[in-house]
N, C-alpha and C. Protein backbone atom coordinates (compact mmCIF):
# COMPACT_ATOMS: atom_id res chain seq x y z
N MET A 1 -26.07 -16.24 2.21
CA MET A 1 -27.12 -15.50 1.54
C MET A 1 -26.53 -14.30 0.82
N ASP A 2 -26.97 -14.07 -0.39
CA ASP A 2 -26.48 -12.90 -1.11
C ASP A 2 -27.29 -11.66 -0.71
N SER A 3 -26.77 -10.50 -1.08
CA SER A 3 -27.39 -9.24 -0.64
C SER A 3 -28.77 -9.03 -1.25
N ARG A 4 -29.02 -9.53 -2.47
CA ARG A 4 -30.35 -9.37 -3.07
C ARG A 4 -31.41 -10.11 -2.26
N LYS A 5 -31.07 -11.30 -1.78
CA LYS A 5 -32.02 -12.07 -1.00
C LYS A 5 -32.29 -11.40 0.34
N ILE A 6 -31.26 -10.83 0.96
CA ILE A 6 -31.42 -10.13 2.23
C ILE A 6 -32.30 -8.90 2.04
N LYS A 7 -32.08 -8.14 0.96
CA LYS A 7 -32.91 -6.96 0.68
C LYS A 7 -34.36 -7.35 0.44
N LEU A 8 -34.58 -8.45 -0.26
CA LEU A 8 -35.94 -8.92 -0.52
C LEU A 8 -36.64 -9.31 0.78
N ILE A 9 -35.94 -10.00 1.65
CA ILE A 9 -36.52 -10.41 2.94
C ILE A 9 -36.82 -9.18 3.78
N ALA A 10 -35.90 -8.22 3.83
CA ALA A 10 -36.11 -6.99 4.61
C ALA A 10 -37.31 -6.21 4.07
N ALA A 11 -37.41 -6.08 2.76
CA ALA A 11 -38.53 -5.36 2.16
C ALA A 11 -39.85 -6.07 2.44
N SER A 12 -39.84 -7.39 2.41
CA SER A 12 -41.06 -8.16 2.69
C SER A 12 -41.50 -7.96 4.13
N ILE A 13 -40.56 -7.95 5.06
CA ILE A 13 -40.89 -7.74 6.48
C ILE A 13 -41.48 -6.34 6.67
N ILE A 14 -40.88 -5.34 6.03
CA ILE A 14 -41.38 -3.97 6.16
C ILE A 14 -42.80 -3.86 5.61
N VAL A 15 -43.07 -4.47 4.47
CA VAL A 15 -44.41 -4.41 3.88
C VAL A 15 -45.42 -5.13 4.76
N ILE A 16 -45.06 -6.26 5.33
CA ILE A 16 -45.97 -6.99 6.22
C ILE A 16 -46.27 -6.17 7.47
N LEU A 17 -45.24 -5.57 8.07
CA LEU A 17 -45.46 -4.73 9.26
C LEU A 17 -46.32 -3.52 8.92
N LEU A 18 -46.07 -2.93 7.76
CA LEU A 18 -46.88 -1.78 7.33
C LEU A 18 -48.34 -2.19 7.16
N ALA A 19 -48.58 -3.34 6.57
CA ALA A 19 -49.96 -3.81 6.38
C ALA A 19 -50.64 -4.02 7.73
N ILE A 20 -49.94 -4.57 8.69
CA ILE A 20 -50.52 -4.79 10.02
C ILE A 20 -50.90 -3.46 10.65
N VAL A 21 -49.99 -2.48 10.61
CA VAL A 21 -50.26 -1.17 11.22
C VAL A 21 -51.43 -0.48 10.52
N ILE A 22 -51.45 -0.55 9.20
CA ILE A 22 -52.52 0.10 8.44
C ILE A 22 -53.89 -0.50 8.77
N PHE A 23 -53.99 -1.82 8.80
CA PHE A 23 -55.28 -2.45 9.05
C PHE A 23 -55.76 -2.29 10.49
N GLN A 24 -54.84 -2.04 11.42
CA GLN A 24 -55.24 -1.83 12.80
C GLN A 24 -55.64 -0.39 13.07
N ASN A 25 -55.39 0.51 12.12
CA ASN A 25 -55.69 1.92 12.30
C ASN A 25 -56.63 2.40 11.20
N SER A 26 -57.85 1.92 11.24
CA SER A 26 -58.80 2.25 10.18
C SER A 26 -59.78 3.37 10.55
N ALA A 27 -59.62 3.98 11.72
CA ALA A 27 -60.53 5.04 12.14
C ALA A 27 -60.35 6.29 11.28
N ASP A 28 -61.43 7.03 11.08
CA ASP A 28 -61.35 8.28 10.33
C ASP A 28 -60.71 9.36 11.19
N ILE A 29 -59.86 10.17 10.55
CA ILE A 29 -59.23 11.29 11.24
C ILE A 29 -59.35 12.52 10.36
N LYS A 30 -59.17 13.68 10.97
CA LYS A 30 -59.21 14.95 10.25
C LYS A 30 -57.76 15.41 10.06
N VAL A 31 -57.38 15.64 8.80
CA VAL A 31 -56.02 16.06 8.47
C VAL A 31 -56.07 17.47 7.94
N LYS A 32 -55.22 18.34 8.48
CA LYS A 32 -55.14 19.72 8.00
C LYS A 32 -53.88 19.87 7.17
N ILE A 33 -54.07 20.23 5.89
CA ILE A 33 -52.95 20.47 4.99
C ILE A 33 -53.07 21.91 4.52
N LEU A 34 -52.13 22.73 4.94
CA LEU A 34 -52.17 24.17 4.71
C LEU A 34 -53.50 24.71 5.23
N MET A 35 -54.39 25.17 4.38
CA MET A 35 -55.66 25.70 4.85
C MET A 35 -56.81 24.73 4.65
N ALA A 36 -56.55 23.62 4.01
CA ALA A 36 -57.60 22.64 3.73
C ALA A 36 -57.69 21.64 4.89
N SER A 37 -58.88 21.14 5.10
CA SER A 37 -59.12 20.14 6.12
C SER A 37 -59.78 18.94 5.44
N ILE A 38 -59.14 17.79 5.56
CA ILE A 38 -59.61 16.59 4.88
C ILE A 38 -59.86 15.50 5.92
N GLU A 39 -60.98 14.80 5.77
CA GLU A 39 -61.25 13.66 6.64
C GLU A 39 -61.00 12.38 5.85
N MET A 40 -60.15 11.52 6.40
CA MET A 40 -59.79 10.28 5.72
C MET A 40 -59.43 9.22 6.75
N PRO A 41 -59.47 7.97 6.35
CA PRO A 41 -59.04 6.91 7.27
C PRO A 41 -57.55 7.04 7.57
N LEU A 42 -57.18 6.79 8.80
CA LEU A 42 -55.78 6.84 9.19
C LEU A 42 -54.95 5.86 8.37
N ALA A 43 -55.54 4.73 8.00
CA ALA A 43 -54.84 3.74 7.19
C ALA A 43 -54.42 4.34 5.85
N LEU A 44 -55.30 5.13 5.24
CA LEU A 44 -54.96 5.76 3.97
C LEU A 44 -53.83 6.77 4.14
N LEU A 45 -53.88 7.55 5.21
CA LEU A 45 -52.83 8.52 5.48
C LEU A 45 -51.49 7.83 5.68
N LEU A 46 -51.49 6.74 6.43
CA LEU A 46 -50.25 5.98 6.65
C LEU A 46 -49.71 5.42 5.35
N PHE A 47 -50.60 4.87 4.52
CA PHE A 47 -50.17 4.31 3.24
C PHE A 47 -49.61 5.40 2.34
N LEU A 48 -50.29 6.55 2.25
CA LEU A 48 -49.81 7.64 1.41
C LEU A 48 -48.44 8.15 1.88
N THR A 49 -48.27 8.26 3.19
CA THR A 49 -46.99 8.69 3.74
C THR A 49 -45.88 7.71 3.36
N PHE A 50 -46.15 6.43 3.49
CA PHE A 50 -45.18 5.41 3.12
C PHE A 50 -44.87 5.47 1.62
N ALA A 51 -45.90 5.60 0.79
CA ALA A 51 -45.70 5.63 -0.66
C ALA A 51 -44.89 6.86 -1.09
N ILE A 52 -45.18 8.01 -0.51
CA ILE A 52 -44.45 9.22 -0.86
C ILE A 52 -42.99 9.11 -0.42
N GLY A 53 -42.76 8.57 0.76
CA GLY A 53 -41.39 8.38 1.24
C GLY A 53 -40.61 7.40 0.38
N THR A 54 -41.26 6.32 -0.02
CA THR A 54 -40.62 5.32 -0.88
C THR A 54 -40.29 5.93 -2.24
N ALA A 55 -41.22 6.67 -2.81
CA ALA A 55 -40.99 7.31 -4.11
C ALA A 55 -39.85 8.33 -4.01
N ALA A 56 -39.83 9.11 -2.95
CA ALA A 56 -38.76 10.10 -2.78
C ALA A 56 -37.40 9.41 -2.66
N GLY A 57 -37.32 8.34 -1.90
CA GLY A 57 -36.07 7.59 -1.78
C GLY A 57 -35.63 7.00 -3.10
N TRP A 58 -36.57 6.52 -3.87
CA TRP A 58 -36.27 5.93 -5.18
C TRP A 58 -35.74 7.00 -6.13
N VAL A 59 -36.38 8.17 -6.15
CA VAL A 59 -35.94 9.26 -7.03
C VAL A 59 -34.54 9.73 -6.63
N ILE A 60 -34.29 9.88 -5.35
CA ILE A 60 -32.97 10.32 -4.88
C ILE A 60 -31.91 9.30 -5.26
N THR A 61 -32.22 8.03 -5.12
CA THR A 61 -31.27 6.98 -5.49
C THR A 61 -30.96 7.03 -6.98
N LEU A 62 -31.99 7.21 -7.80
CA LEU A 62 -31.78 7.28 -9.25
C LEU A 62 -30.94 8.49 -9.64
N THR A 63 -31.22 9.64 -9.05
CA THR A 63 -30.47 10.84 -9.41
C THR A 63 -29.02 10.74 -8.95
N ARG A 64 -28.78 10.15 -7.80
CA ARG A 64 -27.40 9.99 -7.31
C ARG A 64 -26.63 9.00 -8.17
N SER A 65 -27.28 7.93 -8.61
CA SER A 65 -26.57 6.95 -9.42
C SER A 65 -26.23 7.53 -10.79
N LYS A 66 -27.11 8.35 -11.35
CA LYS A 66 -26.82 9.01 -12.63
C LYS A 66 -25.70 10.01 -12.47
N THR A 67 -25.69 10.75 -11.36
CA THR A 67 -24.65 11.74 -11.11
C THR A 67 -23.29 11.06 -10.94
N SER A 68 -23.24 9.97 -10.19
CA SER A 68 -21.97 9.29 -9.98
C SER A 68 -21.46 8.64 -11.26
N LYS A 69 -22.36 8.17 -12.11
CA LYS A 69 -21.94 7.59 -13.39
C LYS A 69 -21.36 8.66 -14.30
N SER A 70 -21.98 9.85 -14.32
CA SER A 70 -21.47 10.91 -15.19
C SER A 70 -20.14 11.45 -14.65
N LYS A 71 -19.95 11.50 -13.35
CA LYS A 71 -18.69 11.95 -12.77
C LYS A 71 -17.58 10.95 -13.05
N SER A 72 -17.88 9.66 -12.96
CA SER A 72 -16.84 8.67 -13.23
C SER A 72 -16.47 8.66 -14.71
N GLY A 73 -17.41 8.99 -15.59
CA GLY A 73 -17.13 9.10 -17.01
C GLY A 73 -16.24 10.30 -17.31
N ASP A 74 -16.44 11.40 -16.57
CA ASP A 74 -15.63 12.61 -16.77
C ASP A 74 -14.19 12.36 -16.34
N ASN A 75 -13.98 11.60 -15.27
CA ASN A 75 -12.64 11.34 -14.77
C ASN A 75 -11.84 10.46 -15.71
N SER A 76 -12.49 9.55 -16.40
CA SER A 76 -11.77 8.64 -17.27
C SER A 76 -11.30 9.33 -18.55
N GLU A 77 -11.97 10.43 -18.94
CA GLU A 77 -11.59 11.13 -20.15
C GLU A 77 -10.42 12.08 -19.92
N ALA A 78 -10.22 12.54 -18.70
CA ALA A 78 -9.18 13.53 -18.40
C ALA A 78 -7.80 12.95 -18.37
């Protein structure tokens, strides 16, 4: 198996497990963010947390790959 297929299988398993956890936790909860208090389903909070973490990881990966490409370009010119 190549690494792309392994990554796809791993991502699929994570999404399936996330869906199971989200659908089993549909009760409303009260969330305090700084001074605000918001009532929302726990499933929504879990999904938002996952989405924010995924987006942050994606942004960090993109910025690191751009940084390493520019550093490797600088070394070849010297």
